[in-house]
Amino acid sequence: MNNKIVIPISIIITIVIVVFSFTQNEIIENKILSEINDSSEINDSSEIDTMIDKIKQDKIENDESENPYKPAEREWIQSGPFKIDRSQYALGEKLFVNVMKLDENVKGEMQITRIINNTHSWIYKTIPFDGSKPQQNFYISFDLFDKRGICTTDQLIGDWEIKFVGDKGEFESIMFKITNEIVPGKYNRYAPVC
């Protein structure tokens, strides 16, 4: 008879403990989530306000400068299915490469190179292309990078070329220039790094 009473009581106690445990876990999770959301909203809001203030200040400084920065119009220089949006870029602007429909047999790589003189250049970035795979448009940023030995803006300013190296070699190079002008708000990004 004792077994008949002990078993149902132990089952009821187990159920109560399990339900209590789940309830407590849910309460704790909800409290933690609400604290996280409250603190992230405060941080996000203040970070956004700070960023907006910086953008406004940069715009005011640019507008009041002797030679205000104004992005150049898009020109779309093309070689085969490859196009870039301008022939000249300021430091801080990104080069936009538009890749139109490639023949599925066309494969190779784009070598973005800085021209040193008539006989020398160095490769800044290499990007593969393959007509048998979907191609995407992309942006290229020109930055200082101490691990690659790009320490000052002097190494970025000048004449550049996109060479198309592939099994067919059918595309002419695209030439462009990077000027010594720096986009407002990007000055710290171009301080010497080594």
N, C-alpha and C. Protein backbone atom coordinates (compact mmCIF):
# COMPACT_ATOMS: atom_id res chain seq x y z
N MET A 1 0.81 -1.18 0.00
CA MET A 1 0.00 0.00 0.00
C MET A 1 0.86 1.26 0.00
N ASN A 2 1.97 1.21 0.70
CA ASN A 2 2.87 2.36 0.72
C ASN A 2 3.39 2.67 -0.67
N ASN A 3 3.65 1.62 -1.48
CA ASN A 3 4.12 1.83 -2.86
C ASN A 3 3.08 2.55 -3.69
N LYS A 4 1.80 2.26 -3.46
CA LYS A 4 0.72 2.89 -4.22
C LYS A 4 0.66 4.39 -3.93
N ILE A 5 1.04 4.81 -2.78
CA ILE A 5 1.02 6.23 -2.43
C ILE A 5 2.33 6.91 -2.81
N VAL A 6 3.43 6.24 -2.59
CA VAL A 6 4.75 6.82 -2.83
C VAL A 6 4.96 7.10 -4.33
N ILE A 7 4.59 6.19 -5.19
CA ILE A 7 4.82 6.35 -6.64
C ILE A 7 4.05 7.56 -7.18
N PRO A 8 2.74 7.70 -6.95
CA PRO A 8 2.05 8.90 -7.48
C PRO A 8 2.60 10.20 -6.89
N ILE A 9 2.96 10.17 -5.59
CA ILE A 9 3.48 11.39 -4.98
C ILE A 9 4.83 11.74 -5.62
N SER A 10 5.69 10.76 -5.85
CA SER A 10 6.99 11.04 -6.48
C SER A 10 6.82 11.53 -7.92
N ILE A 11 5.82 11.02 -8.63
CA ILE A 11 5.54 11.47 -10.00
C ILE A 11 5.08 12.93 -9.97
N ILE A 12 4.20 13.26 -9.07
CA ILE A 12 3.69 14.63 -8.94
C ILE A 12 4.83 15.58 -8.57
N ILE A 13 5.67 15.17 -7.62
CA ILE A 13 6.80 16.00 -7.22
C ILE A 13 7.73 16.22 -8.42
N THR A 14 8.02 15.19 -9.20
CA THR A 14 8.89 15.30 -10.38
C THR A 14 8.30 16.28 -11.39
N ILE A 15 7.00 16.15 -11.64
CA ILE A 15 6.33 17.05 -12.59
C ILE A 15 6.42 18.49 -12.11
N VAL A 16 6.18 18.73 -10.84
CA VAL A 16 6.24 20.08 -10.28
C VAL A 16 7.66 20.64 -10.42
N ILE A 17 8.66 19.82 -10.14
CA ILE A 17 10.04 20.28 -10.25
C ILE A 17 10.39 20.62 -11.70
N VAL A 18 9.99 19.79 -12.64
CA VAL A 18 10.28 20.03 -14.06
C VAL A 18 9.59 21.31 -14.53
N VAL A 19 8.29 21.48 -14.19
CA VAL A 19 7.55 22.67 -14.60
C VAL A 19 8.19 23.92 -13.97
N PHE A 20 8.54 23.85 -12.71
CA PHE A 20 9.18 24.97 -12.04
C PHE A 20 10.51 25.33 -12.71
N SER A 21 11.29 24.31 -13.04
CA SER A 21 12.58 24.52 -13.68
C SER A 21 12.41 25.21 -15.04
N PHE A 22 11.49 24.75 -15.87
CA PHE A 22 11.25 25.37 -17.17
C PHE A 22 10.78 26.81 -17.02
N THR A 23 9.91 27.05 -16.06
CA THR A 23 9.40 28.40 -15.82
C THR A 23 10.53 29.33 -15.40
N GLN A 24 11.38 28.88 -14.51
CA GLN A 24 12.49 29.71 -14.05
C GLN A 24 13.47 30.00 -15.19
N ASN A 25 13.76 28.98 -16.00
CA ASN A 25 14.66 29.19 -17.15
C ASN A 25 14.10 30.22 -18.12
N GLU A 26 12.80 30.14 -18.38
CA GLU A 26 12.17 31.08 -19.29
C GLU A 26 12.20 32.50 -18.73
N ILE A 27 11.94 32.63 -17.44
CA ILE A 27 11.98 33.96 -16.81
C ILE A 27 13.38 34.54 -16.89
N ILE A 28 14.39 33.73 -16.60
CA ILE A 28 15.78 34.20 -16.64
C ILE A 28 16.17 34.58 -18.07
N GLU A 29 15.81 33.74 -19.06
CA GLU A 29 16.14 34.04 -20.45
C GLU A 29 15.49 35.35 -20.90
N ASN A 30 14.22 35.54 -20.55
CA ASN A 30 13.52 36.77 -20.93
C ASN A 30 14.17 37.99 -20.30
N LYS A 31 14.57 37.86 -19.05
CA LYS A 31 15.21 38.98 -18.36
C LYS A 31 16.54 39.32 -19.02
N ILE A 32 17.34 38.30 -19.34
CA ILE A 32 18.64 38.53 -19.98
C ILE A 32 18.45 39.15 -21.37
N LEU A 33 17.51 38.62 -22.15
CA LEU A 33 17.25 39.18 -23.48
C LEU A 33 16.81 40.64 -23.41
N SER A 34 15.95 40.96 -22.45
CA SER A 34 15.50 42.35 -22.34
C SER A 34 16.66 43.26 -21.94
N GLU A 35 17.55 42.80 -21.07
CA GLU A 35 18.71 43.60 -20.68
C GLU A 35 19.65 43.81 -21.87
N ILE A 36 19.85 42.74 -22.64
CA ILE A 36 20.71 42.84 -23.83
C ILE A 36 20.12 43.83 -24.82
N ASN A 37 18.82 43.71 -25.09
CA ASN A 37 18.18 44.61 -26.05
C ASN A 37 18.24 46.05 -25.58
N ASP A 38 18.00 46.29 -24.27
CA ASP A 38 18.05 47.65 -23.75
C ASP A 38 19.44 48.24 -23.91
N SER A 39 20.48 47.48 -23.56
CA SER A 39 21.84 48.02 -23.64
C SER A 39 22.29 48.18 -25.08
N SER A 40 21.89 47.27 -25.99
CA SER A 40 22.32 47.40 -27.38
C SER A 40 21.61 48.57 -28.06
N GLU A 41 20.35 48.85 -27.66
CA GLU A 41 19.67 50.00 -28.24
C GLU A 41 20.37 51.28 -27.83
N ILE A 42 20.79 51.34 -26.58
CA ILE A 42 21.50 52.53 -26.11
C ILE A 42 22.82 52.68 -26.85
N ASN A 43 23.59 51.59 -26.97
CA ASN A 43 24.87 51.66 -27.66
C ASN A 43 24.69 51.98 -29.13
N ASP A 44 23.73 51.29 -29.80
CA ASP A 44 23.50 51.52 -31.22
C ASP A 44 23.09 52.97 -31.47
N SER A 45 22.20 53.48 -30.63
CA SER A 45 21.70 54.84 -30.81
C SER A 45 22.83 55.86 -30.63
N SER A 46 23.64 55.70 -29.60
CA SER A 46 24.72 56.66 -29.39
C SER A 46 25.80 56.53 -30.47
N GLU A 47 26.08 55.31 -30.93
CA GLU A 47 27.05 55.13 -32.01
C GLU A 47 26.55 55.77 -33.29
N ILE A 48 25.28 55.60 -33.58
CA ILE A 48 24.69 56.16 -34.79
C ILE A 48 24.72 57.69 -34.71
N ASP A 49 24.35 58.24 -33.55
CA ASP A 49 24.38 59.70 -33.39
C ASP A 49 25.79 60.23 -33.57
N THR A 50 26.79 59.55 -33.01
CA THR A 50 28.18 59.97 -33.15
C THR A 50 28.60 59.94 -34.62
N MET A 51 28.22 58.87 -35.32
CA MET A 51 28.57 58.74 -36.73
C MET A 51 27.90 59.83 -37.57
N ILE A 52 26.65 60.11 -37.29
CA ILE A 52 25.93 61.16 -38.03
C ILE A 52 26.58 62.51 -37.78
N ASP A 53 26.95 62.79 -36.53
CA ASP A 53 27.62 64.05 -36.22
C ASP A 53 28.94 64.17 -36.97
N LYS A 54 29.70 63.07 -37.06
CA LYS A 54 30.97 63.09 -37.78
C LYS A 54 30.75 63.36 -39.27
N ILE A 55 29.75 62.72 -39.84
CA ILE A 55 29.44 62.92 -41.26
C ILE A 55 29.06 64.39 -41.51
N LYS A 56 28.23 64.95 -40.63
CA LYS A 56 27.83 66.35 -40.78
C LYS A 56 29.05 67.27 -40.69
N GLN A 57 29.94 66.99 -39.74
CA GLN A 57 31.14 67.82 -39.57
C GLN A 57 32.05 67.70 -40.80
N ASP A 58 32.22 66.48 -41.32
CA ASP A 58 33.04 66.28 -42.52
C ASP A 58 32.45 67.04 -43.71
N LYS A 59 31.12 67.04 -43.84
CA LYS A 59 30.48 67.75 -44.94
C LYS A 59 30.71 69.25 -44.82
N ILE A 60 30.57 69.78 -43.61
CA ILE A 60 30.79 71.21 -43.39
C ILE A 60 32.23 71.58 -43.74
N GLU A 61 33.19 70.77 -43.27
CA GLU A 61 34.60 71.04 -43.57
C GLU A 61 34.86 70.98 -45.07
N ASN A 62 34.27 70.01 -45.75
CA ASN A 62 34.46 69.88 -47.20
C ASN A 62 33.87 71.09 -47.92
N ASP A 63 32.65 71.47 -47.56
CA ASP A 63 31.99 72.59 -48.23
C ASP A 63 32.75 73.90 -48.03
N GLU A 64 33.39 74.06 -46.86
CA GLU A 64 34.09 75.30 -46.55
C GLU A 64 35.55 75.31 -47.03
N SER A 65 36.05 74.19 -47.52
CA SER A 65 37.45 74.13 -47.95
C SER A 65 37.64 74.88 -49.27
N GLU A 66 38.90 75.22 -49.57
CA GLU A 66 39.21 75.95 -50.80
C GLU A 66 38.92 75.11 -52.04
N ASN A 67 39.13 73.81 -51.93
CA ASN A 67 38.93 72.91 -53.06
C ASN A 67 38.03 71.75 -52.60
N PRO A 68 36.71 71.97 -52.50
CA PRO A 68 35.83 70.91 -51.97
C PRO A 68 35.82 69.67 -52.86
N TYR A 69 35.74 68.53 -52.19
CA TYR A 69 35.69 67.25 -52.90
C TYR A 69 34.32 67.07 -53.54
N LYS A 70 34.33 66.65 -54.78
CA LYS A 70 33.10 66.33 -55.48
C LYS A 70 33.40 65.11 -56.35
N PRO A 71 32.66 64.01 -56.18
CA PRO A 71 32.97 62.82 -56.98
C PRO A 71 32.83 63.08 -58.48
N ALA A 72 33.71 62.47 -59.23
CA ALA A 72 33.67 62.62 -60.69
C ALA A 72 32.47 61.87 -61.26
N GLU A 73 32.03 62.30 -62.42
CA GLU A 73 30.94 61.62 -63.10
C GLU A 73 31.39 60.23 -63.54
N ARG A 74 30.47 59.32 -63.62
CA ARG A 74 30.78 57.97 -64.12
C ARG A 74 31.01 58.02 -65.63
N GLU A 75 32.07 57.31 -66.07
CA GLU A 75 32.44 57.33 -67.48
C GLU A 75 32.26 55.97 -68.15
N TRP A 76 32.37 54.90 -67.42
CA TRP A 76 32.26 53.52 -67.89
C TRP A 76 33.26 53.20 -69.02
N ILE A 77 34.48 52.95 -68.60
CA ILE A 77 35.55 52.56 -69.51
C ILE A 77 35.49 51.04 -69.65
N GLN A 78 35.52 50.55 -70.86
CA GLN A 78 35.22 49.14 -71.10
C GLN A 78 36.31 48.43 -71.88
N SER A 79 36.50 47.14 -71.54
CA SER A 79 37.33 46.24 -72.31
C SER A 79 36.58 44.90 -72.34
N GLY A 80 36.04 44.55 -73.49
CA GLY A 80 35.24 43.32 -73.57
C GLY A 80 34.07 43.40 -72.60
N PRO A 81 33.87 42.37 -71.80
CA PRO A 81 32.73 42.36 -70.86
C PRO A 81 33.03 43.06 -69.53
N PHE A 82 34.18 43.69 -69.41
CA PHE A 82 34.59 44.32 -68.15
C PHE A 82 34.50 45.85 -68.29
N LYS A 83 33.93 46.51 -67.28
CA LYS A 83 33.83 47.96 -67.28
C LYS A 83 34.19 48.48 -65.90
N ILE A 84 34.85 49.64 -65.86
CA ILE A 84 35.03 50.35 -64.59
C ILE A 84 34.31 51.69 -64.71
N ASP A 85 33.95 52.27 -63.59
CA ASP A 85 33.06 53.42 -63.60
C ASP A 85 33.74 54.77 -63.84
N ARG A 86 35.05 54.86 -63.65
CA ARG A 86 35.74 56.15 -63.85
C ARG A 86 37.15 55.93 -64.35
N SER A 87 37.75 57.00 -64.83
CA SER A 87 39.15 56.94 -65.24
C SER A 87 40.07 57.50 -64.16
N GLN A 88 39.47 58.10 -63.13
CA GLN A 88 40.25 58.74 -62.08
C GLN A 88 39.52 58.61 -60.74
N TYR A 89 40.29 58.30 -59.70
CA TYR A 89 39.72 58.10 -58.37
C TYR A 89 40.52 58.87 -57.33
N ALA A 90 39.81 59.42 -56.34
CA ALA A 90 40.47 60.02 -55.19
C ALA A 90 40.73 58.91 -54.17
N LEU A 91 41.69 59.11 -53.28
CA LEU A 91 41.93 58.16 -52.20
C LEU A 91 40.67 58.09 -51.34
N GLY A 92 40.20 56.90 -51.07
CA GLY A 92 38.97 56.73 -50.30
C GLY A 92 37.78 56.36 -51.18
N GLU A 93 37.88 56.61 -52.48
CA GLU A 93 36.83 56.16 -53.40
C GLU A 93 37.10 54.71 -53.76
N LYS A 94 36.05 54.00 -54.10
CA LYS A 94 36.21 52.61 -54.52
C LYS A 94 36.00 52.49 -56.01
N LEU A 95 36.85 51.69 -56.63
CA LEU A 95 36.74 51.39 -58.05
C LEU A 95 35.65 50.34 -58.21
N PHE A 96 34.67 50.59 -59.04
CA PHE A 96 33.58 49.65 -59.28
C PHE A 96 33.84 48.91 -60.58
N VAL A 97 33.90 47.58 -60.52
CA VAL A 97 34.09 46.75 -61.70
C VAL A 97 32.77 46.06 -62.02
N ASN A 98 32.29 46.31 -63.24
CA ASN A 98 31.05 45.69 -63.71
C ASN A 98 31.45 44.59 -64.69
N VAL A 99 31.03 43.36 -64.38
CA VAL A 99 31.33 42.22 -65.25
C VAL A 99 30.04 41.83 -65.96
N MET A 100 30.02 42.05 -67.28
CA MET A 100 28.84 41.68 -68.06
C MET A 100 28.97 40.20 -68.44
N LYS A 101 28.11 39.73 -69.27
CA LYS A 101 28.07 38.31 -69.65
C LYS A 101 29.39 37.87 -70.27
N LEU A 102 30.05 36.93 -69.59
CA LEU A 102 31.30 36.34 -70.09
C LEU A 102 30.98 35.09 -70.89
N ASP A 103 31.70 34.87 -71.97
CA ASP A 103 31.59 33.60 -72.69
C ASP A 103 32.01 32.49 -71.75
N GLU A 104 31.32 31.37 -71.77
CA GLU A 104 31.59 30.30 -70.79
C GLU A 104 32.97 29.68 -70.93
N ASN A 105 33.65 29.90 -72.03
CA ASN A 105 35.00 29.36 -72.21
C ASN A 105 36.11 30.33 -71.78
N VAL A 106 35.74 31.51 -71.34
CA VAL A 106 36.72 32.52 -70.97
C VAL A 106 37.08 32.38 -69.49
N LYS A 107 38.38 32.20 -69.24
CA LYS A 107 38.87 32.08 -67.87
C LYS A 107 40.17 32.86 -67.76
N GLY A 108 40.43 33.36 -66.58
CA GLY A 108 41.68 34.08 -66.35
C GLY A 108 41.62 34.84 -65.05
N GLU A 109 42.41 35.91 -65.02
CA GLU A 109 42.41 36.74 -63.82
C GLU A 109 42.64 38.20 -64.19
N MET A 110 42.07 39.06 -63.38
CA MET A 110 42.32 40.49 -63.51
C MET A 110 43.45 40.82 -62.55
N GLN A 111 44.47 41.48 -63.05
CA GLN A 111 45.56 41.93 -62.20
C GLN A 111 45.46 43.45 -62.10
N ILE A 112 45.16 43.93 -60.91
CA ILE A 112 45.11 45.37 -60.68
C ILE A 112 46.52 45.78 -60.30
N THR A 113 47.17 46.55 -61.16
CA THR A 113 48.59 46.86 -60.97
C THR A 113 48.83 48.36 -60.93
N ARG A 114 49.80 48.74 -60.15
CA ARG A 114 50.27 50.14 -60.08
C ARG A 114 51.46 50.23 -61.02
N ILE A 115 51.40 51.14 -61.96
CA ILE A 115 52.48 51.32 -62.93
C ILE A 115 53.57 52.18 -62.30
N ILE A 116 54.78 51.64 -62.22
CA ILE A 116 55.91 52.36 -61.64
C ILE A 116 56.60 53.21 -62.71
N ASN A 117 56.93 52.59 -63.84
CA ASN A 117 57.53 53.29 -64.98
C ASN A 117 57.24 52.47 -66.23
N ASN A 118 57.94 52.74 -67.33
CA ASN A 118 57.66 52.04 -68.59
C ASN A 118 57.93 50.54 -68.54
N THR A 119 58.76 50.11 -67.62
CA THR A 119 59.13 48.69 -67.58
C THR A 119 58.72 47.97 -66.30
N HIS A 120 58.29 48.71 -65.29
CA HIS A 120 57.99 48.08 -64.01
C HIS A 120 56.59 48.44 -63.50
N SER A 121 55.97 47.47 -62.87
CA SER A 121 54.70 47.67 -62.18
C SER A 121 54.62 46.63 -61.06
N TRP A 122 53.73 46.85 -60.11
CA TRP A 122 53.53 45.83 -59.08
C TRP A 122 52.05 45.53 -58.94
N ILE A 123 51.76 44.28 -58.65
CA ILE A 123 50.38 43.81 -58.57
C ILE A 123 49.82 44.12 -57.18
N TYR A 124 48.74 44.89 -57.16
CA TYR A 124 48.05 45.24 -55.92
C TYR A 124 47.07 44.14 -55.53
N LYS A 125 46.34 43.64 -56.51
CA LYS A 125 45.31 42.63 -56.23
C LYS A 125 45.08 41.80 -57.50
N THR A 126 44.78 40.53 -57.30
CA THR A 126 44.46 39.63 -58.41
C THR A 126 43.08 39.02 -58.15
N ILE A 127 42.22 39.09 -59.16
CA ILE A 127 40.85 38.59 -59.03
C ILE A 127 40.57 37.65 -60.20
N PRO A 128 40.21 36.39 -59.90
CA PRO A 128 39.93 35.44 -60.98
C PRO A 128 38.57 35.72 -61.65
N PHE A 129 38.48 35.32 -62.92
CA PHE A 129 37.18 35.33 -63.60
C PHE A 129 37.05 34.03 -64.38
N ASP A 130 35.82 33.54 -64.49
CA ASP A 130 35.53 32.26 -65.13
C ASP A 130 34.13 32.33 -65.71
N GLY A 131 34.03 32.31 -67.03
CA GLY A 131 32.74 32.42 -67.71
C GLY A 131 31.80 31.27 -67.45
N SER A 132 32.32 30.12 -66.99
CA SER A 132 31.44 28.98 -66.71
C SER A 132 30.75 29.11 -65.36
N LYS A 133 31.13 30.12 -64.58
CA LYS A 133 30.52 30.35 -63.26
C LYS A 133 29.85 31.71 -63.26
N PRO A 134 28.84 31.88 -62.41
CA PRO A 134 28.21 33.21 -62.34
C PRO A 134 29.22 34.26 -61.89
N GLN A 135 29.25 35.38 -62.57
CA GLN A 135 30.16 36.47 -62.23
C GLN A 135 29.40 37.57 -61.50
N GLN A 136 30.08 38.25 -60.62
CA GLN A 136 29.44 39.33 -59.88
C GLN A 136 30.26 40.60 -60.02
N ASN A 137 29.56 41.72 -59.99
CA ASN A 137 30.22 43.02 -59.96
C ASN A 137 30.88 43.16 -58.59
N PHE A 138 31.89 44.00 -58.49
CA PHE A 138 32.56 44.16 -57.20
C PHE A 138 33.23 45.52 -57.12
N TYR A 139 33.58 45.89 -55.88
CA TYR A 139 34.30 47.13 -55.59
C TYR A 139 35.71 46.79 -55.15
N ILE A 140 36.66 47.66 -55.47
CA ILE A 140 38.03 47.53 -54.99
C ILE A 140 38.39 48.80 -54.24
N SER A 141 38.87 48.64 -53.03
CA SER A 141 39.31 49.75 -52.21
C SER A 141 40.83 49.80 -52.24
N PHE A 142 41.40 50.98 -52.31
CA PHE A 142 42.85 51.14 -52.32
C PHE A 142 43.29 51.67 -50.96
N ASP A 143 43.96 50.82 -50.21
CA ASP A 143 44.30 51.13 -48.82
C ASP A 143 45.77 50.91 -48.54
N LEU A 144 46.24 51.57 -47.48
CA LEU A 144 47.59 51.32 -46.97
C LEU A 144 47.54 49.98 -46.24
N PHE A 145 48.64 49.23 -46.33
CA PHE A 145 48.67 47.90 -45.72
C PHE A 145 50.11 47.56 -45.41
N ASP A 146 50.49 47.74 -44.14
CA ASP A 146 51.90 47.60 -43.77
C ASP A 146 52.46 46.21 -44.03
N LYS A 147 51.66 45.17 -43.92
CA LYS A 147 52.17 43.81 -44.14
C LYS A 147 52.54 43.56 -45.59
N ARG A 148 52.00 44.36 -46.50
CA ARG A 148 52.36 44.25 -47.91
C ARG A 148 53.34 45.34 -48.33
N GLY A 149 53.76 46.15 -47.37
CA GLY A 149 54.73 47.20 -47.66
C GLY A 149 54.13 48.44 -48.28
N ILE A 150 52.81 48.61 -48.19
CA ILE A 150 52.16 49.81 -48.71
C ILE A 150 51.99 50.76 -47.52
N CYS A 151 52.98 51.61 -47.33
CA CYS A 151 53.08 52.41 -46.11
C CYS A 151 52.52 53.82 -46.23
N THR A 152 52.63 54.43 -47.40
CA THR A 152 52.21 55.82 -47.57
C THR A 152 51.35 55.96 -48.82
N THR A 153 50.67 57.09 -48.92
CA THR A 153 49.80 57.33 -50.07
C THR A 153 50.60 57.47 -51.37
N ASP A 154 51.89 57.83 -51.26
CA ASP A 154 52.72 57.95 -52.47
C ASP A 154 52.75 56.65 -53.26
N GLN A 155 52.60 55.54 -52.56
CA GLN A 155 52.61 54.24 -53.23
C GLN A 155 51.29 53.93 -53.94
N LEU A 156 50.25 54.69 -53.62
CA LEU A 156 48.94 54.47 -54.26
C LEU A 156 48.66 55.49 -55.36
N ILE A 157 49.20 56.69 -55.21
CA ILE A 157 48.92 57.77 -56.16
C ILE A 157 49.68 57.52 -57.47
N GLY A 158 48.96 57.67 -58.58
CA GLY A 158 49.62 57.53 -59.88
C GLY A 158 48.77 56.75 -60.87
N ASP A 159 49.45 56.21 -61.88
CA ASP A 159 48.80 55.48 -62.95
C ASP A 159 48.63 54.01 -62.58
N TRP A 160 47.46 53.47 -62.93
CA TRP A 160 47.12 52.08 -62.63
C TRP A 160 46.59 51.42 -63.90
N GLU A 161 46.57 50.10 -63.84
CA GLU A 161 46.12 49.33 -65.00
C GLU A 161 45.44 48.06 -64.51
N ILE A 162 44.37 47.68 -65.19
CA ILE A 162 43.78 46.36 -64.97
C ILE A 162 44.17 45.52 -66.17
N LYS A 163 45.01 44.52 -65.91
CA LYS A 163 45.44 43.60 -66.97
C LYS A 163 44.57 42.36 -66.90
N PHE A 164 44.20 41.86 -68.06
CA PHE A 164 43.40 40.64 -68.15
C PHE A 164 44.30 39.53 -68.64
N VAL A 165 44.66 38.63 -67.75
CA VAL A 165 45.56 37.53 -68.06
C VAL A 165 44.72 36.26 -68.11
N GLY A 166 44.77 35.58 -69.25
CA GLY A 166 43.98 34.36 -69.37
C GLY A 166 44.48 33.49 -70.49
N ASP A 167 43.76 32.41 -70.68
CA ASP A 167 44.18 31.45 -71.69
C ASP A 167 44.02 31.99 -73.11
N LYS A 168 43.16 33.01 -73.30
CA LYS A 168 42.96 33.56 -74.63
C LYS A 168 43.57 34.95 -74.78
N GLY A 169 43.77 35.67 -73.69
CA GLY A 169 44.39 37.00 -73.74
C GLY A 169 43.71 37.95 -74.68
N GLU A 170 42.39 37.97 -74.70
CA GLU A 170 41.67 38.73 -75.71
C GLU A 170 41.21 40.12 -75.28
N PHE A 171 41.46 40.52 -74.06
CA PHE A 171 40.97 41.82 -73.59
C PHE A 171 42.13 42.79 -73.39
N GLU A 172 41.90 44.02 -73.86
CA GLU A 172 42.90 45.07 -73.65
C GLU A 172 42.85 45.53 -72.20
N SER A 173 43.97 46.05 -71.74
CA SER A 173 44.04 46.58 -70.38
C SER A 173 43.16 47.82 -70.25
N ILE A 174 42.71 48.07 -69.02
CA ILE A 174 41.97 49.31 -68.72
C ILE A 174 42.87 50.16 -67.84
N MET A 175 43.07 51.40 -68.24
CA MET A 175 43.94 52.31 -67.50
C MET A 175 43.08 53.24 -66.64
N PHE A 176 43.60 53.58 -65.46
CA PHE A 176 42.96 54.58 -64.61
C PHE A 176 44.02 55.22 -63.73
N LYS A 177 43.63 56.25 -63.00
CA LYS A 177 44.57 57.03 -62.20
C LYS A 177 44.00 57.20 -60.80
N ILE A 178 44.89 57.21 -59.80
CA ILE A 178 44.51 57.56 -58.44
C ILE A 178 45.21 58.89 -58.12
N THR A 179 44.40 59.88 -57.72
CA THR A 179 44.93 61.21 -57.45
C THR A 179 45.34 61.35 -55.98
N ASN A 180 45.95 62.47 -55.65
CA ASN A 180 46.37 62.71 -54.27
C ASN A 180 45.25 63.31 -53.42
N GLU A 181 44.09 63.51 -54.00
CA GLU A 181 42.94 64.03 -53.26
C GLU A 181 42.39 62.93 -52.35
N ILE A 182 41.99 63.29 -51.13
CA ILE A 182 41.44 62.32 -50.18
C ILE A 182 39.99 62.68 -49.91
N VAL A 183 39.12 61.68 -49.96
CA VAL A 183 37.70 61.88 -49.69
C VAL A 183 37.53 62.37 -48.25
N PRO A 184 36.74 63.43 -48.04
CA PRO A 184 36.53 63.93 -46.67
C PRO A 184 36.08 62.82 -45.73
N GLY A 185 36.64 62.83 -44.52
CA GLY A 185 36.30 61.82 -43.53
C GLY A 185 37.20 60.60 -43.59
N LYS A 186 38.07 60.52 -44.57
CA LYS A 186 38.96 59.36 -44.75
C LYS A 186 40.42 59.71 -44.48
N TYR A 187 40.70 60.90 -43.96
CA TYR A 187 42.08 61.34 -43.78
C TYR A 187 42.87 60.42 -42.86
N ASN A 188 42.27 60.01 -41.75
CA ASN A 188 42.98 59.13 -40.80
C ASN A 188 43.34 57.80 -41.45
N ARG A 189 42.52 57.35 -42.37
CA ARG A 189 42.75 56.08 -43.03
C ARG A 189 44.02 56.08 -43.87
N TYR A 190 44.48 57.28 -44.26
CA TYR A 190 45.64 57.37 -45.14
C TYR A 190 46.87 57.97 -44.44
N ALA A 191 46.88 57.94 -43.12
CA ALA A 191 48.09 58.33 -42.37
C ALA A 191 49.12 57.21 -42.54
N PRO A 192 50.40 57.53 -42.66
CA PRO A 192 51.42 56.50 -42.86
C PRO A 192 51.32 55.37 -41.82
N VAL A 193 51.50 54.13 -42.27
CA VAL A 193 51.33 52.97 -41.37
C VAL A 193 52.64 52.26 -41.05
N CYS A 194 53.75 52.59 -41.71
CA CYS A 194 55.03 51.95 -41.37
C CYS A 194 56.19 52.86 -41.72
